[in-house]
Amino acid sequence: MDTEKAIRTGDMVQQVRHVMHNVAPKLLPDDKAIREWLSGIAPDYAKKAGKTPKDAPSEISLIMKK
C-alpha cells in the first residue's frame, strides 16, 4: 500500500507500537521485538538504513485486515 515506497521499518514500528499501546498496553513489547515481527514482511526498500526520506508522508494510515 506504500505506493511512494517511502515508509521505513522504523516508522512502521512506531505505528504498530501506538496501536498496541491503545489496544493492550500491558502486552506492549519493546521496539526490537516489533521490528523482528515486521522483518519478514517488510519490502527491501523499507529495510534500508538511514533516515526516512523527506518526501515521505508525514502521516501513515493503517488499514487493518482480517
N, C-alpha and C. Protein backbone atom coordinates (compact mmCIF):
# COMPACT_ATOMS: atom_id res chain seq x y z
N MET A 1 0.82 -1.20 0.00
CA MET A 1 0.00 0.00 0.00
C MET A 1 0.86 1.26 0.00
N ASP A 2 2.15 1.11 0.21
CA ASP A 2 3.06 2.25 0.20
C ASP A 2 3.49 2.51 -1.24
N THR A 3 2.63 3.17 -1.99
CA THR A 3 2.89 3.38 -3.42
C THR A 3 4.10 4.26 -3.68
N GLU A 4 4.44 5.13 -2.75
CA GLU A 4 5.60 6.01 -2.91
C GLU A 4 6.90 5.36 -2.43
N LYS A 5 6.78 4.19 -1.84
CA LYS A 5 7.93 3.45 -1.30
C LYS A 5 8.79 4.32 -0.40
N ALA A 6 8.15 4.98 0.53
CA ALA A 6 8.84 5.93 1.40
C ALA A 6 8.81 5.54 2.88
N ILE A 7 7.97 4.60 3.26
CA ILE A 7 7.84 4.25 4.68
C ILE A 7 8.93 3.25 5.04
N ARG A 8 9.64 3.54 6.10
CA ARG A 8 10.72 2.67 6.57
C ARG A 8 10.20 1.81 7.72
N THR A 9 10.92 0.75 8.00
CA THR A 9 10.52 -0.17 9.06
C THR A 9 10.40 0.55 10.40
N GLY A 10 11.32 1.46 10.68
CA GLY A 10 11.28 2.20 11.95
C GLY A 10 10.01 3.01 12.10
N ASP A 11 9.53 3.59 10.98
CA ASP A 11 8.28 4.34 11.01
C ASP A 11 7.11 3.40 11.34
N MET A 12 7.12 2.23 10.73
CA MET A 12 6.04 1.29 10.95
C MET A 12 6.08 0.72 12.36
N VAL A 13 7.27 0.54 12.91
CA VAL A 13 7.40 0.09 14.30
C VAL A 13 6.67 1.06 15.22
N GLN A 14 6.86 2.35 15.00
CA GLN A 14 6.21 3.35 15.84
C GLN A 14 4.69 3.32 15.68
N GLN A 15 4.22 3.06 14.46
CA GLN A 15 2.77 2.97 14.24
C GLN A 15 2.18 1.75 14.94
N VAL A 16 2.85 0.62 14.81
CA VAL A 16 2.37 -0.61 15.46
C VAL A 16 2.40 -0.43 16.98
N ARG A 17 3.46 0.19 17.48
CA ARG A 17 3.57 0.45 18.93
C ARG A 17 2.39 1.29 19.41
N HIS A 18 2.04 2.32 18.65
CA HIS A 18 0.94 3.20 19.02
C HIS A 18 -0.39 2.43 19.07
N VAL A 19 -0.64 1.61 18.06
CA VAL A 19 -1.87 0.83 18.03
C VAL A 19 -1.91 -0.14 19.20
N MET A 20 -0.81 -0.84 19.42
CA MET A 20 -0.78 -1.81 20.52
C MET A 20 -0.93 -1.13 21.87
N HIS A 21 -0.36 0.04 22.02
CA HIS A 21 -0.49 0.78 23.28
C HIS A 21 -1.96 1.11 23.56
N ASN A 22 -2.69 1.45 22.51
CA ASN A 22 -4.11 1.77 22.68
C ASN A 22 -4.97 0.54 22.92
N VAL A 23 -4.57 -0.60 22.34
CA VAL A 23 -5.37 -1.81 22.43
C VAL A 23 -5.03 -2.64 23.68
N ALA A 24 -3.74 -2.85 23.90
CA ALA A 24 -3.32 -3.71 25.02
C ALA A 24 -2.02 -3.20 25.61
N PRO A 25 -2.07 -2.11 26.37
CA PRO A 25 -0.83 -1.51 26.89
C PRO A 25 0.00 -2.43 27.78
N LYS A 26 -0.64 -3.37 28.46
CA LYS A 26 0.10 -4.27 29.35
C LYS A 26 0.88 -5.33 28.57
N LEU A 27 0.52 -5.53 27.31
CA LEU A 27 1.19 -6.54 26.48
C LEU A 27 2.19 -5.92 25.51
N LEU A 28 2.46 -4.64 25.64
CA LEU A 28 3.31 -3.93 24.70
C LEU A 28 4.76 -4.42 24.76
N PRO A 29 5.26 -4.99 23.64
CA PRO A 29 6.66 -5.42 23.61
C PRO A 29 7.59 -4.25 23.32
N ASP A 30 8.89 -4.50 23.38
CA ASP A 30 9.83 -3.43 23.05
C ASP A 30 9.94 -3.28 21.53
N ASP A 31 10.56 -2.19 21.10
CA ASP A 31 10.66 -1.88 19.67
C ASP A 31 11.41 -2.96 18.90
N LYS A 32 12.39 -3.56 19.53
CA LYS A 32 13.18 -4.60 18.85
C LYS A 32 12.30 -5.79 18.48
N ALA A 33 11.41 -6.18 19.37
CA ALA A 33 10.50 -7.30 19.10
C ALA A 33 9.56 -6.96 17.95
N ILE A 34 9.02 -5.76 17.94
CA ILE A 34 8.12 -5.35 16.87
C ILE A 34 8.87 -5.33 15.54
N ARG A 35 10.10 -4.83 15.55
CA ARG A 35 10.92 -4.78 14.33
C ARG A 35 11.14 -6.21 13.79
N GLU A 36 11.36 -7.16 14.69
CA GLU A 36 11.55 -8.55 14.28
C GLU A 36 10.28 -9.10 13.64
N TRP A 37 9.12 -8.74 14.19
CA TRP A 37 7.85 -9.19 13.60
C TRP A 37 7.73 -8.69 12.17
N LEU A 38 8.11 -7.44 11.95
CA LEU A 38 7.94 -6.81 10.65
C LEU A 38 9.01 -7.22 9.64
N SER A 39 10.13 -7.73 10.11
CA SER A 39 11.25 -8.01 9.21
C SER A 39 10.91 -9.02 8.12
N GLY A 40 10.06 -9.95 8.41
CA GLY A 40 9.70 -10.97 7.42
C GLY A 40 8.78 -10.48 6.32
N ILE A 41 8.05 -9.40 6.59
CA ILE A 41 7.08 -8.92 5.60
C ILE A 41 7.44 -7.57 5.01
N ALA A 42 8.43 -6.91 5.58
CA ALA A 42 8.81 -5.58 5.09
C ALA A 42 9.52 -5.71 3.73
N PRO A 43 9.17 -4.85 2.77
CA PRO A 43 9.87 -4.88 1.49
C PRO A 43 11.30 -4.37 1.63
N ASP A 44 12.14 -4.67 0.65
CA ASP A 44 13.56 -4.30 0.72
C ASP A 44 13.78 -2.81 0.91
N TYR A 45 12.99 -1.97 0.23
CA TYR A 45 13.20 -0.52 0.35
C TYR A 45 12.94 -0.03 1.77
N ALA A 46 12.07 -0.71 2.51
CA ALA A 46 11.75 -0.31 3.88
C ALA A 46 12.86 -0.68 4.85
N LYS A 47 13.70 -1.61 4.46
CA LYS A 47 14.77 -2.09 5.34
C LYS A 47 16.06 -1.29 5.18
N LYS A 48 16.09 -0.36 4.25
CA LYS A 48 17.30 0.42 4.04
C LYS A 48 17.66 1.21 5.29
N ALA A 49 18.95 1.33 5.52
CA ALA A 49 19.42 2.10 6.67
C ALA A 49 19.30 3.59 6.38
N GLY A 50 19.27 4.37 7.42
CA GLY A 50 19.23 5.83 7.26
C GLY A 50 17.90 6.42 7.63
N LYS A 51 17.83 7.71 7.46
CA LYS A 51 16.62 8.45 7.82
C LYS A 51 15.51 8.24 6.79
N THR A 52 14.30 8.51 7.23
CA THR A 52 13.16 8.48 6.33
C THR A 52 13.31 9.60 5.31
N PRO A 53 13.02 9.33 4.04
CA PRO A 53 13.14 10.39 3.02
C PRO A 53 12.28 11.60 3.35
N LYS A 54 12.73 12.77 2.94
CA LYS A 54 11.99 14.00 3.22
C LYS A 54 10.62 14.01 2.55
N ASP A 55 10.50 13.34 1.41
CA ASP A 55 9.22 13.33 0.70
C ASP A 55 8.26 12.25 1.21
N ALA A 56 8.63 11.57 2.28
CA ALA A 56 7.77 10.54 2.86
C ALA A 56 6.54 11.20 3.48
N PRO A 57 5.42 10.50 3.44
CA PRO A 57 4.21 11.07 4.05
C PRO A 57 4.42 11.29 5.55
N SER A 58 3.92 12.40 6.04
CA SER A 58 4.08 12.69 7.47
C SER A 58 3.10 11.88 8.31
N GLU A 59 2.07 11.37 7.69
CA GLU A 59 1.08 10.58 8.39
C GLU A 59 0.90 9.26 7.66
N ILE A 60 0.95 8.18 8.39
CA ILE A 60 0.77 6.85 7.82
C ILE A 60 -0.61 6.36 8.20
N SER A 61 -1.43 5.99 7.21
CA SER A 61 -2.73 5.44 7.55
C SER A 61 -2.66 3.93 7.47
N LEU A 62 -3.06 3.32 8.56
CA LEU A 62 -3.06 1.86 8.65
C LEU A 62 -4.45 1.32 8.39
N ILE A 63 -4.51 0.25 7.63
CA ILE A 63 -5.79 -0.41 7.36
C ILE A 63 -5.66 -1.82 7.89
N MET A 64 -6.51 -2.17 8.81
CA MET A 64 -6.47 -3.49 9.40
C MET A 64 -7.26 -4.46 8.53
N LYS A 65 -6.67 -5.62 8.28
CA LYS A 65 -7.34 -6.65 7.50
C LYS A 65 -7.50 -7.89 8.36
N LYS A 66 -8.52 -8.67 8.07
CA LYS A 66 -8.75 -9.90 8.81
C LYS A 66 -7.79 -10.96 8.33
